[in-house]
């Protein structure tokens, strides 16, 4: 009886690991899509609302889903603070560095966002709009690659989790 219970626990644990890995692929697709929407809202705030960046980041922190909302909140708080970082570029970079571990984004996704931060708050509204649109286009390309990875490796991760659990049980018994 204990062997059967042990085998079931091993298979369940391996299956769970496979599902967690597969969920990382799905989370990346979802977070890239959410970031694209957030950047489009940022563009609208800058172009039509004449909203200062710190306020636009603050508004986005309420509109975006977790954990992306923390990036915008952190950047907004840093820009509004009277000590330390005051530029949008530095606040954005620090927020991304701080919350990178919580995001499912890959290094190339974060690099696109860092490059966008170099132009935030240092040029006129039209130039910022162009930089935001360029970042959105690049993120859309990353999103399509992430969708392909998810469809290819997501199912494989789930299957490998189950199969490796079964293989472990067979090898152990």
N, C-alpha and C. Protein backbone atom coordinates (compact mmCIF):
# COMPACT_ATOMS: atom_id res chain seq x y z
N UNK A 1 0.83 -1.20 0.00
CA UNK A 1 0.00 0.00 0.00
C UNK A 1 0.87 1.26 0.00
N UNK A 2 1.96 1.22 0.79
CA UNK A 2 2.83 2.39 0.84
C UNK A 2 3.55 2.61 -0.49
N UNK A 3 3.86 1.52 -1.20
CA UNK A 3 4.49 1.65 -2.50
C UNK A 3 3.57 2.37 -3.48
N UNK A 4 2.31 2.02 -3.45
CA UNK A 4 1.34 2.65 -4.36
C UNK A 4 1.18 4.13 -4.00
N UNK A 5 1.11 4.43 -2.71
CA UNK A 5 1.00 5.83 -2.28
C UNK A 5 2.25 6.61 -2.68
N UNK A 6 3.44 6.03 -2.48
CA UNK A 6 4.68 6.68 -2.87
C UNK A 6 4.75 6.92 -4.37
N UNK A 7 4.31 5.92 -5.14
CA UNK A 7 4.30 6.05 -6.60
C UNK A 7 3.36 7.17 -7.03
N UNK A 8 2.21 7.24 -6.40
CA UNK A 8 1.24 8.28 -6.73
C UNK A 8 1.79 9.67 -6.40
N UNK A 9 2.49 9.79 -5.29
CA UNK A 9 3.07 11.08 -4.89
C UNK A 9 4.16 11.50 -5.88
N UNK A 10 5.00 10.54 -6.29
CA UNK A 10 6.07 10.86 -7.25
C UNK A 10 5.47 11.30 -8.59
N UNK A 11 4.49 10.58 -9.07
CA UNK A 11 3.86 10.93 -10.34
C UNK A 11 3.17 12.30 -10.23
N UNK A 12 2.49 12.54 -9.11
CA UNK A 12 1.80 13.82 -8.93
C UNK A 12 2.81 14.98 -8.87
N UNK A 13 3.92 14.79 -8.18
CA UNK A 13 4.93 15.85 -8.07
C UNK A 13 5.56 16.14 -9.43
N UNK A 14 5.91 15.11 -10.17
CA UNK A 14 6.50 15.31 -11.49
C UNK A 14 5.51 15.97 -12.44
N UNK A 15 4.25 15.57 -12.35
CA UNK A 15 3.21 16.18 -13.17
C UNK A 15 3.05 17.66 -12.83
N UNK A 16 3.07 17.98 -11.55
CA UNK A 16 2.94 19.37 -11.11
C UNK A 16 4.10 20.22 -11.63
N UNK A 17 5.30 19.66 -11.60
CA UNK A 17 6.47 20.39 -12.12
C UNK A 17 6.28 20.68 -13.61
N UNK A 18 5.80 19.71 -14.35
CA UNK A 18 5.53 19.91 -15.78
C UNK A 18 4.49 20.98 -16.03
N UNK A 19 3.44 20.99 -15.24
CA UNK A 19 2.38 21.99 -15.39
C UNK A 19 2.87 23.39 -15.01
N UNK A 20 3.71 23.47 -13.99
CA UNK A 20 4.26 24.77 -13.60
C UNK A 20 5.14 25.32 -14.72
N UNK A 21 5.96 24.46 -15.30
CA UNK A 21 6.81 24.90 -16.40
C UNK A 21 5.96 25.36 -17.58
N UNK A 22 4.91 24.64 -17.89
CA UNK A 22 4.03 25.02 -18.99
C UNK A 22 3.33 26.34 -18.69
N UNK A 23 3.00 26.58 -17.43
CA UNK A 23 2.32 27.83 -17.09
C UNK A 23 3.25 29.03 -17.25
N UNK A 24 4.56 28.83 -17.14
CA UNK A 24 5.52 29.92 -17.37
C UNK A 24 5.47 30.38 -18.82
N UNK A 25 5.32 29.45 -19.74
CA UNK A 25 5.20 29.82 -21.15
C UNK A 25 3.93 30.63 -21.39
N UNK A 26 2.84 30.23 -20.77
CA UNK A 26 1.57 30.95 -20.92
C UNK A 26 1.64 32.32 -20.26
N UNK A 27 2.32 32.40 -19.11
CA UNK A 27 2.42 33.68 -18.40
C UNK A 27 3.21 34.69 -19.21
N UNK A 28 4.23 34.25 -19.91
CA UNK A 28 5.01 35.19 -20.72
C UNK A 28 4.14 35.79 -21.82
N UNK A 29 3.37 34.96 -22.50
CA UNK A 29 2.49 35.46 -23.56
C UNK A 29 1.51 36.47 -22.97
N UNK A 30 0.92 36.13 -21.84
CA UNK A 30 -0.07 37.00 -21.20
C UNK A 30 0.55 38.33 -20.77
N UNK A 31 1.74 38.29 -20.17
CA UNK A 31 2.36 39.52 -19.69
C UNK A 31 2.85 40.41 -20.83
N UNK A 32 3.31 39.82 -21.91
CA UNK A 32 3.68 40.65 -23.06
C UNK A 32 2.45 41.35 -23.60
N UNK A 33 1.34 40.63 -23.71
CA UNK A 33 0.10 41.24 -24.21
C UNK A 33 -0.35 42.36 -23.28
N UNK A 34 -0.28 42.14 -21.97
CA UNK A 34 -0.66 43.17 -21.00
C UNK A 34 0.26 44.39 -21.09
N UNK A 35 1.55 44.16 -21.31
CA UNK A 35 2.49 45.27 -21.42
C UNK A 35 2.21 46.07 -22.69
N UNK A 36 1.85 45.40 -23.77
CA UNK A 36 1.51 46.10 -25.01
C UNK A 36 0.31 47.00 -24.76
N UNK A 37 -0.72 46.49 -24.10
CA UNK A 37 -1.90 47.31 -23.80
C UNK A 37 -1.54 48.49 -22.89
N UNK A 38 -0.69 48.23 -21.90
CA UNK A 38 -0.28 49.30 -20.99
C UNK A 38 0.49 50.39 -21.73
N UNK A 39 1.37 49.99 -22.63
CA UNK A 39 2.13 50.99 -23.39
C UNK A 39 1.22 51.78 -24.33
N UNK A 40 0.21 51.13 -24.86
CA UNK A 40 -0.74 51.86 -25.70
C UNK A 40 -1.54 52.86 -24.87
N UNK A 41 -1.87 52.49 -23.64
CA UNK A 41 -2.54 53.45 -22.74
C UNK A 41 -1.61 54.60 -22.38
N UNK A 42 -0.33 54.28 -22.18
CA UNK A 42 0.67 55.30 -21.88
C UNK A 42 0.77 56.29 -23.04
N UNK A 43 0.78 55.77 -24.24
CA UNK A 43 0.82 56.63 -25.42
C UNK A 43 -0.39 57.56 -25.46
N UNK A 44 -1.56 57.02 -25.19
CA UNK A 44 -2.78 57.83 -25.18
C UNK A 44 -2.70 58.90 -24.10
N UNK A 45 -2.22 58.54 -22.93
CA UNK A 45 -2.10 59.52 -21.85
C UNK A 45 -1.15 60.65 -22.21
N UNK A 46 -0.05 60.30 -22.84
CA UNK A 46 0.95 61.31 -23.21
C UNK A 46 0.43 62.19 -24.33
N UNK A 47 -0.15 61.58 -25.35
CA UNK A 47 -0.53 62.33 -26.55
C UNK A 47 -1.81 63.14 -26.36
N UNK A 48 -2.81 62.55 -25.77
CA UNK A 48 -4.12 63.20 -25.74
C UNK A 48 -4.49 63.74 -24.37
N UNK A 49 -3.93 63.15 -23.33
CA UNK A 49 -4.26 63.61 -21.99
C UNK A 49 -3.26 64.62 -21.45
N UNK A 50 -2.15 64.79 -22.17
CA UNK A 50 -1.08 65.68 -21.71
C UNK A 50 -0.69 65.36 -20.26
N UNK A 51 -0.72 64.09 -19.92
CA UNK A 51 -0.46 63.64 -18.56
C UNK A 51 1.05 63.53 -18.32
N UNK A 52 1.55 64.09 -17.23
CA UNK A 52 2.97 63.89 -16.90
C UNK A 52 3.26 62.40 -16.68
N UNK A 53 4.49 62.01 -16.93
CA UNK A 53 4.84 60.59 -16.87
C UNK A 53 4.60 59.97 -15.50
N UNK A 54 4.91 60.68 -14.43
CA UNK A 54 4.71 60.09 -13.11
C UNK A 54 3.24 59.80 -12.85
N UNK A 55 2.37 60.70 -13.29
CA UNK A 55 0.92 60.46 -13.13
C UNK A 55 0.44 59.36 -14.06
N UNK A 56 0.98 59.32 -15.28
CA UNK A 56 0.59 58.27 -16.23
C UNK A 56 1.00 56.89 -15.69
N UNK A 57 2.21 56.80 -15.13
CA UNK A 57 2.64 55.54 -14.53
C UNK A 57 1.74 55.16 -13.36
N UNK A 58 1.37 56.14 -12.57
CA UNK A 58 0.49 55.88 -11.43
C UNK A 58 -0.87 55.36 -11.89
N UNK A 59 -1.43 55.98 -12.92
CA UNK A 59 -2.71 55.52 -13.46
C UNK A 59 -2.59 54.09 -14.00
N UNK A 60 -1.49 53.81 -14.69
CA UNK A 60 -1.29 52.47 -15.24
C UNK A 60 -1.13 51.43 -14.15
N UNK A 61 -0.61 51.84 -13.01
CA UNK A 61 -0.45 50.87 -11.92
C UNK A 61 -1.81 50.38 -11.42
N UNK A 62 -2.84 51.21 -11.57
CA UNK A 62 -4.19 50.80 -11.18
C UNK A 62 -4.87 49.99 -12.28
N UNK A 63 -4.50 50.24 -13.53
CA UNK A 63 -5.15 49.59 -14.66
C UNK A 63 -4.52 48.25 -15.03
N UNK A 64 -3.22 48.14 -14.86
CA UNK A 64 -2.51 46.92 -15.26
C UNK A 64 -2.71 45.80 -14.24
N UNK A 65 -2.58 44.59 -14.72
CA UNK A 65 -2.70 43.43 -13.84
C UNK A 65 -1.35 43.16 -13.16
N UNK A 66 -1.42 42.47 -12.04
CA UNK A 66 -0.20 42.10 -11.32
C UNK A 66 0.55 41.09 -12.17
N UNK A 67 1.83 41.07 -12.17
CA UNK A 67 2.80 41.88 -11.46
C UNK A 67 3.25 43.13 -12.22
N UNK A 68 2.69 43.36 -13.42
CA UNK A 68 3.09 44.54 -14.20
C UNK A 68 2.72 45.83 -13.49
N UNK A 69 1.64 45.81 -12.73
CA UNK A 69 1.23 47.03 -12.04
C UNK A 69 2.29 47.49 -11.05
N UNK A 70 3.05 46.55 -10.49
CA UNK A 70 4.11 46.92 -9.55
C UNK A 70 5.25 47.67 -10.24
N UNK A 71 5.53 47.34 -11.48
CA UNK A 71 6.56 48.05 -12.23
C UNK A 71 6.16 49.51 -12.41
N UNK A 72 4.92 49.73 -12.82
CA UNK A 72 4.45 51.10 -13.04
C UNK A 72 4.34 51.87 -11.72
N UNK A 73 3.89 51.20 -10.67
CA UNK A 73 3.79 51.84 -9.36
C UNK A 73 5.16 52.24 -8.85
N UNK A 74 6.11 51.34 -8.97
CA UNK A 74 7.47 51.61 -8.50
C UNK A 74 8.08 52.80 -9.27
N UNK A 75 7.92 52.81 -10.60
CA UNK A 75 8.44 53.92 -11.41
C UNK A 75 7.78 55.23 -11.02
N UNK A 76 6.48 55.21 -10.80
CA UNK A 76 5.76 56.42 -10.41
C UNK A 76 6.24 56.93 -9.06
N UNK A 77 6.39 56.04 -8.11
CA UNK A 77 6.85 56.44 -6.78
C UNK A 77 8.25 57.01 -6.81
N UNK A 78 9.11 56.41 -7.62
CA UNK A 78 10.48 56.92 -7.71
C UNK A 78 10.52 58.30 -8.36
N UNK A 79 9.67 58.53 -9.35
CA UNK A 79 9.65 59.84 -10.00
C UNK A 79 9.07 60.90 -9.08
N UNK A 80 8.14 60.51 -8.22
CA UNK A 80 7.50 61.47 -7.33
C UNK A 80 8.32 61.71 -6.06
N UNK A 81 9.29 60.85 -5.78
CA UNK A 81 10.08 61.02 -4.57
C UNK A 81 11.02 62.22 -4.74
N UNK A 82 11.30 62.87 -3.64
CA UNK A 82 12.14 64.07 -3.70
C UNK A 82 13.61 63.74 -3.57
N UNK A 83 13.94 62.52 -3.23
CA UNK A 83 15.35 62.14 -3.11
C UNK A 83 15.66 61.00 -4.05
N UNK A 84 16.91 60.94 -4.49
CA UNK A 84 17.34 59.83 -5.35
C UNK A 84 16.98 60.06 -6.80
N UNK A 85 16.37 59.04 -7.42
CA UNK A 85 16.09 59.04 -8.85
C UNK A 85 14.97 60.02 -9.17
N UNK A 86 15.19 60.85 -10.16
CA UNK A 86 14.15 61.81 -10.54
C UNK A 86 13.77 61.71 -12.01
N UNK A 87 14.63 61.19 -12.85
CA UNK A 87 14.30 61.13 -14.27
C UNK A 87 13.46 59.90 -14.56
N UNK A 88 12.67 60.01 -15.61
CA UNK A 88 11.82 58.89 -16.02
C UNK A 88 12.66 57.70 -16.45
N UNK A 89 13.75 57.97 -17.14
CA UNK A 89 14.64 56.90 -17.61
C UNK A 89 15.17 56.08 -16.44
N UNK A 90 15.67 56.76 -15.41
CA UNK A 90 16.23 56.06 -14.26
C UNK A 90 15.15 55.34 -13.45
N UNK A 91 14.01 55.99 -13.29
CA UNK A 91 12.91 55.37 -12.53
C UNK A 91 12.40 54.12 -13.23
N UNK A 92 12.25 54.19 -14.55
CA UNK A 92 11.77 53.06 -15.33
C UNK A 92 12.77 51.90 -15.27
N UNK A 93 14.06 52.22 -15.43
CA UNK A 93 15.09 51.18 -15.39
C UNK A 93 15.15 50.53 -14.01
N UNK A 94 15.08 51.32 -12.97
CA UNK A 94 15.12 50.77 -11.61
C UNK A 94 13.89 49.91 -11.32
N UNK A 95 12.73 50.34 -11.78
CA UNK A 95 11.50 49.56 -11.56
C UNK A 95 11.59 48.22 -12.29
N UNK A 96 12.11 48.23 -13.50
CA UNK A 96 12.25 46.98 -14.25
C UNK A 96 13.26 46.05 -13.58
N UNK A 97 14.39 46.61 -13.14
CA UNK A 97 15.40 45.78 -12.47
C UNK A 97 14.86 45.19 -11.17
N UNK A 98 14.11 45.99 -10.42
CA UNK A 98 13.58 45.54 -9.14
C UNK A 98 12.57 44.41 -9.31
N UNK A 99 11.70 44.53 -10.30
CA UNK A 99 10.59 43.58 -10.44
C UNK A 99 10.80 42.54 -11.53
N UNK A 100 11.99 42.50 -12.12
CA UNK A 100 12.27 41.55 -13.19
C UNK A 100 12.07 40.11 -12.74
N UNK A 101 12.41 39.81 -11.50
CA UNK A 101 12.27 38.46 -10.98
C UNK A 101 10.83 38.00 -10.84
N UNK A 102 9.91 38.94 -10.70
CA UNK A 102 8.50 38.61 -10.56
C UNK A 102 7.80 38.43 -11.90
N UNK A 103 8.44 38.90 -12.96
CA UNK A 103 7.84 38.85 -14.28
C UNK A 103 8.23 37.57 -15.00
N UNK A 104 7.38 37.12 -15.89
CA UNK A 104 7.66 35.94 -16.70
C UNK A 104 8.35 36.32 -18.01
N UNK A 105 8.73 37.59 -18.12
CA UNK A 105 9.35 38.07 -19.35
C UNK A 105 10.78 37.57 -19.46
N UNK A 106 11.21 37.33 -20.68
CA UNK A 106 12.59 36.91 -20.92
C UNK A 106 13.48 38.15 -21.01
N UNK A 107 14.76 37.90 -21.09
CA UNK A 107 15.75 38.98 -21.12
C UNK A 107 15.53 39.91 -22.30
N UNK A 108 15.20 39.38 -23.47
CA UNK A 108 14.99 40.23 -24.65
C UNK A 108 13.75 41.11 -24.50
N UNK A 109 12.74 40.63 -23.79
CA UNK A 109 11.55 41.45 -23.54
C UNK A 109 11.90 42.63 -22.63
N UNK A 110 12.66 42.33 -21.59
CA UNK A 110 13.07 43.38 -20.65
C UNK A 110 13.99 44.37 -21.34
N UNK A 111 14.84 43.89 -22.23
CA UNK A 111 15.74 44.78 -22.96
C UNK A 111 14.95 45.77 -23.82
N UNK A 112 13.89 45.31 -24.45
CA UNK A 112 13.04 46.20 -25.25
C UNK A 112 12.47 47.29 -24.36
N UNK A 113 12.00 46.91 -23.18
CA UNK A 113 11.42 47.89 -22.26
C UNK A 113 12.48 48.85 -21.72
N UNK A 114 13.69 48.34 -21.48
CA UNK A 114 14.78 49.21 -21.02
C UNK A 114 15.12 50.24 -22.09
N UNK A 115 15.16 49.80 -23.35
CA UNK A 115 15.46 50.72 -24.44
C UNK A 115 14.37 51.77 -24.59
N UNK A 116 13.14 51.39 -24.35
CA UNK A 116 12.06 52.37 -24.37
C UNK A 116 12.27 53.41 -23.28
N UNK A 117 12.71 52.97 -22.13
CA UNK A 117 12.93 53.88 -21.02
C UNK A 117 13.96 54.95 -21.31
N UNK A 118 14.90 54.67 -22.22
CA UNK A 118 15.92 55.67 -22.57
C UNK A 118 15.32 56.91 -23.20
N UNK A 119 14.15 56.77 -23.83
CA UNK A 119 13.54 57.91 -24.51
C UNK A 119 12.38 58.53 -23.73
N UNK A 120 11.98 57.92 -22.63
CA UNK A 120 10.86 58.46 -21.87
C UNK A 120 11.25 59.75 -21.16
N UNK A 121 10.49 60.78 -21.38
CA UNK A 121 10.68 62.04 -20.68
C UNK A 121 11.82 62.90 -21.18
N UNK A 122 12.51 62.50 -22.25
CA UNK A 122 13.63 63.30 -22.72
C UNK A 122 13.37 63.96 -24.07
N UNK A 123 12.22 63.73 -24.64
CA UNK A 123 11.92 64.31 -25.94
C UNK A 123 10.47 64.79 -25.95
N UNK A 124 10.07 65.34 -27.08
CA UNK A 124 8.69 65.84 -27.18
C UNK A 124 7.71 64.68 -27.28
N UNK A 125 6.44 65.01 -27.20
CA UNK A 125 5.40 63.99 -27.17
C UNK A 125 5.39 63.13 -28.43
N UNK A 126 5.58 63.74 -29.58
CA UNK A 126 5.56 62.99 -30.84
C UNK A 126 6.70 61.98 -30.91
N UNK A 127 7.86 62.37 -30.44
CA UNK A 127 9.00 61.46 -30.43
C UNK A 127 8.76 60.30 -29.45
N UNK A 128 8.19 60.62 -28.31
CA UNK A 128 7.88 59.56 -27.34
C UNK A 128 6.85 58.60 -27.92
N UNK A 129 5.89 59.16 -28.64
CA UNK A 129 4.88 58.32 -29.28
C UNK A 129 5.55 57.34 -30.25
N UNK A 130 6.49 57.83 -31.04
CA UNK A 130 7.19 56.98 -31.99
C UNK A 130 7.98 55.88 -31.27
N UNK A 131 8.64 56.23 -30.18
CA UNK A 131 9.41 55.24 -29.42
C UNK A 131 8.48 54.20 -28.79
N UNK A 132 7.35 54.63 -28.28
CA UNK A 132 6.39 53.69 -27.69
C UNK A 132 5.85 52.75 -28.77
N UNK A 133 5.52 53.30 -29.93
CA UNK A 133 5.01 52.46 -31.01
C UNK A 133 6.06 51.46 -31.49
N UNK A 134 7.30 51.91 -31.53
CA UNK A 134 8.38 51.00 -31.93
C UNK A 134 8.51 49.86 -30.91
N UNK A 135 8.45 50.20 -29.63
CA UNK A 135 8.54 49.17 -28.59
C UNK A 135 7.35 48.21 -28.67
N UNK A 136 6.17 48.74 -28.97
CA UNK A 136 4.98 47.90 -29.10
C UNK A 136 5.16 46.93 -30.27
N UNK A 137 5.68 47.41 -31.38
CA UNK A 137 5.91 46.53 -32.54
C UNK A 137 6.89 45.41 -32.19
N UNK A 138 7.97 45.77 -31.50
CA UNK A 138 8.96 44.76 -31.12
C UNK A 138 8.37 43.77 -30.12
N UNK A 139 7.53 44.26 -29.19
CA UNK A 139 6.89 43.36 -28.23
C UNK A 139 5.89 42.44 -28.92
N UNK A 140 5.22 42.95 -29.95
CA UNK A 140 4.30 42.10 -30.71
C UNK A 140 5.04 40.96 -31.39
N UNK A 141 6.25 41.25 -31.89
CA UNK A 141 7.06 40.19 -32.48
C UNK A 141 7.47 39.16 -31.42
N UNK A 142 7.84 39.66 -30.25
CA UNK A 142 8.20 38.74 -29.16
C UNK A 142 6.98 37.94 -28.71
N UNK A 143 5.81 38.57 -28.76
CA UNK A 143 4.60 37.86 -28.37
C UNK A 143 4.31 36.70 -29.33
N UNK A 144 4.50 36.93 -30.61
CA UNK A 144 4.25 35.83 -31.56
C UNK A 144 5.26 34.70 -31.34
N UNK A 145 6.51 35.05 -31.04
CA UNK A 145 7.50 34.02 -30.73
C UNK A 145 7.13 33.29 -29.43
N UNK A 146 6.63 34.04 -28.46
CA UNK A 146 6.24 33.43 -27.18
C UNK A 146 5.04 32.50 -27.37
N UNK A 147 4.11 32.88 -28.23
CA UNK A 147 2.96 32.02 -28.51
C UNK A 147 3.42 30.71 -29.16
N UNK A 148 4.38 30.83 -30.07
CA UNK A 148 4.90 29.64 -30.72
C UNK A 148 5.61 28.74 -29.71
N UNK A 149 6.42 29.35 -28.83
CA UNK A 149 7.08 28.57 -27.77
C UNK A 149 6.06 27.90 -26.88
N UNK A 150 5.01 28.63 -26.53
CA UNK A 150 3.98 28.07 -25.65
C UNK A 150 3.29 26.88 -26.32
N UNK A 151 2.95 27.03 -27.58
CA UNK A 151 2.26 25.92 -28.24
C UNK A 151 3.21 24.73 -28.42
N UNK A 152 4.48 24.99 -28.65
CA UNK A 152 5.43 23.91 -28.86
C UNK A 152 5.87 23.26 -27.55
N UNK A 153 6.27 24.09 -26.60
CA UNK A 153 6.90 23.55 -25.39
C UNK A 153 5.93 23.40 -24.22
N UNK A 154 4.80 24.07 -24.24
CA UNK A 154 3.85 23.95 -23.15
C UNK A 154 3.30 22.55 -23.01
N UNK A 155 2.82 22.02 -24.11
CA UNK A 155 2.27 20.66 -24.10
C UNK A 155 3.37 19.64 -23.81
N UNK A 156 4.56 19.91 -24.37
CA UNK A 156 5.67 18.99 -24.14
C UNK A 156 6.06 18.97 -22.66
N UNK A 157 6.05 20.12 -22.00
CA UNK A 157 6.40 20.18 -20.57
C UNK A 157 5.42 19.38 -19.73
N UNK A 158 4.14 19.53 -20.04
CA UNK A 158 3.13 18.77 -19.29
C UNK A 158 3.32 17.27 -19.50
N UNK A 159 3.53 16.88 -20.76
CA UNK A 159 3.71 15.46 -21.06
C UNK A 159 4.97 14.91 -20.42
N UNK A 160 6.06 15.68 -20.49
CA UNK A 160 7.31 15.22 -19.89
C UNK A 160 7.20 15.10 -18.38
N UNK A 161 6.41 15.97 -17.76
CA UNK A 161 6.21 15.87 -16.32
C UNK A 161 5.56 14.55 -15.94
N UNK A 162 4.50 14.21 -16.63
CA UNK A 162 3.79 12.96 -16.35
C UNK A 162 4.69 11.76 -16.67
N UNK A 163 5.31 11.79 -17.84
CA UNK A 163 6.12 10.65 -18.26
C UNK A 163 7.36 10.47 -17.39
N UNK A 164 7.98 11.55 -16.97
CA UNK A 164 9.16 11.40 -16.10
C UNK A 164 8.75 10.86 -14.74
N UNK A 165 7.59 11.24 -14.25
CA UNK A 165 7.09 10.66 -13.00
C UNK A 165 6.86 9.17 -13.12
N UNK A 166 6.27 8.76 -14.21
CA UNK A 166 6.03 7.33 -14.44
C UNK A 166 7.36 6.59 -14.59
N UNK A 167 8.32 7.21 -15.30
CA UNK A 167 9.61 6.57 -15.48
C UNK A 167 10.34 6.40 -14.13
N UNK A 168 10.25 7.42 -13.27
CA UNK A 168 10.86 7.32 -11.95
C UNK A 168 10.26 6.18 -11.14
N UNK A 169 8.95 6.08 -11.19
CA UNK A 169 8.28 5.02 -10.45
C UNK A 169 8.73 3.65 -10.97
N UNK A 170 8.81 3.52 -12.29
CA UNK A 170 9.22 2.24 -12.88
C UNK A 170 10.66 1.90 -12.47
N UNK A 171 11.54 2.91 -12.51
CA UNK A 171 12.93 2.67 -12.14
C UNK A 171 13.09 2.36 -10.66
N UNK A 172 12.26 2.96 -9.83
CA UNK A 172 12.37 2.74 -8.39
C UNK A 172 11.82 1.38 -7.98
N UNK A 173 10.80 0.91 -8.66
CA UNK A 173 10.16 -0.33 -8.25
C UNK A 173 10.50 -1.37 -9.22
